[in-house]
């Protein structure tokens, strides 16, 4: 599992993480449940939501699918 970067968080990663967290909370999903549905570890999902990790495209697709949204809608809402 990747470790959090010691570099400052990139604004794009922070924005994307906030959108993922918002959608997860709207669906009343715990981090654990969303992580399970996306095939991820809960702690990794937490790092993504905080913008601590640069996320791989396929992982992001898995999260979008588990949230029931398109990758395009996640990116658009994050203004990326």
Protein backbone atom coordinates (compact mmCIF):
# COMPACT_ATOMS: atom_id res chain seq x y z
CA UNK A 1 0.00 0.00 0.00
CA UNK A 2 1.35 3.46 -0.88
CA UNK A 3 2.47 5.70 1.96
CA UNK A 4 1.28 9.29 2.26
CA UNK A 5 3.49 11.83 0.57
CA UNK A 6 5.60 14.18 2.66
CA UNK A 7 4.95 16.88 0.06
CA UNK A 8 2.14 19.40 0.46
CA UNK A 9 -1.20 18.13 -0.81
CA UNK A 10 -1.93 19.04 -4.41
CA UNK A 11 -5.15 21.07 -4.70
CA UNK A 12 -6.49 18.69 -7.37
CA UNK A 13 -6.09 15.68 -5.07
CA UNK A 14 -7.70 17.54 -2.18
CA UNK A 15 -10.67 18.59 -4.36
CA UNK A 16 -11.14 15.09 -5.74
CA UNK A 17 -10.97 13.55 -2.28
CA UNK A 18 -13.57 16.00 -0.99
CA UNK A 19 -15.95 15.04 -3.82
CA UNK A 20 -15.48 11.34 -3.09
CA UNK A 21 -16.13 11.90 0.63
CA UNK A 22 -19.21 14.05 -0.09
CA UNK A 23 -20.73 11.43 -2.40
CA UNK A 24 -19.94 8.63 0.06
CA UNK A 25 -21.64 10.51 2.87
CA UNK A 26 -24.67 11.31 0.68
CA UNK A 27 -25.02 7.56 0.09
CA UNK A 28 -24.63 6.98 3.85
CA UNK A 29 -21.70 4.65 3.24
CA UNK A 30 -18.90 4.19 5.74
CA UNK A 31 -15.33 4.37 4.48
CA UNK A 32 -15.09 0.68 5.24
CA UNK A 33 -18.14 -0.20 3.12
CA UNK A 34 -17.08 1.95 0.16
CA UNK A 35 -13.54 0.58 0.34
CA UNK A 36 -14.92 -2.96 0.34
CA UNK A 37 -17.13 -2.23 -2.68
CA UNK A 38 -14.20 -0.63 -4.54
CA UNK A 39 -11.75 -3.40 -3.62
CA UNK A 40 -9.57 -1.12 -1.51
CA UNK A 41 -8.24 -0.98 2.03
CA UNK A 42 -10.18 1.42 4.26
CA UNK A 43 -7.06 3.31 5.32
CA UNK A 44 -6.09 3.85 1.67
CA UNK A 45 -9.55 5.27 0.93
CA UNK A 46 -9.13 7.63 3.88
CA UNK A 47 -5.84 8.83 2.42
CA UNK A 48 -7.53 9.41 -0.95
CA UNK A 49 -10.34 11.38 0.69
CA UNK A 50 -7.78 13.58 2.47
CA UNK A 51 -5.80 14.12 -0.73
CA UNK A 52 -2.74 12.39 0.74
CA UNK A 53 -2.17 10.06 -2.22
CA UNK A 54 -2.04 10.39 -5.95
CA UNK A 55 -4.64 7.89 -7.09
CA UNK A 56 -4.27 5.49 -10.02
CA UNK A 57 -6.85 5.79 -12.80
CA UNK A 58 -8.19 2.24 -12.41
CA UNK A 59 -8.57 2.72 -8.66
CA UNK A 60 -10.46 5.94 -9.29
CA UNK A 61 -12.72 4.10 -11.75
CA UNK A 62 -13.42 1.46 -9.09
CA UNK A 63 -14.36 4.16 -6.58
CA UNK A 64 -16.63 5.91 -9.09
CA UNK A 65 -18.35 2.62 -9.90
CA UNK A 66 -18.84 1.84 -6.21
CA UNK A 67 -20.37 5.31 -5.74
CA UNK A 68 -22.65 4.78 -8.73
CA UNK A 69 -21.28 7.76 -10.65
CA UNK A 70 -19.10 8.26 -13.69
CA UNK A 71 -15.47 9.21 -13.53
CA UNK A 72 -16.42 12.27 -15.57
CA UNK A 73 -18.92 13.43 -12.93
CA UNK A 74 -16.36 13.06 -10.12
CA UNK A 75 -13.80 15.04 -12.08
CA UNK A 76 -16.33 17.68 -13.10
CA UNK A 77 -17.57 18.19 -9.55
CA UNK A 78 -13.96 18.52 -8.39
CA UNK A 79 -13.48 21.05 -11.24
CA UNK A 80 -10.68 19.03 -12.80
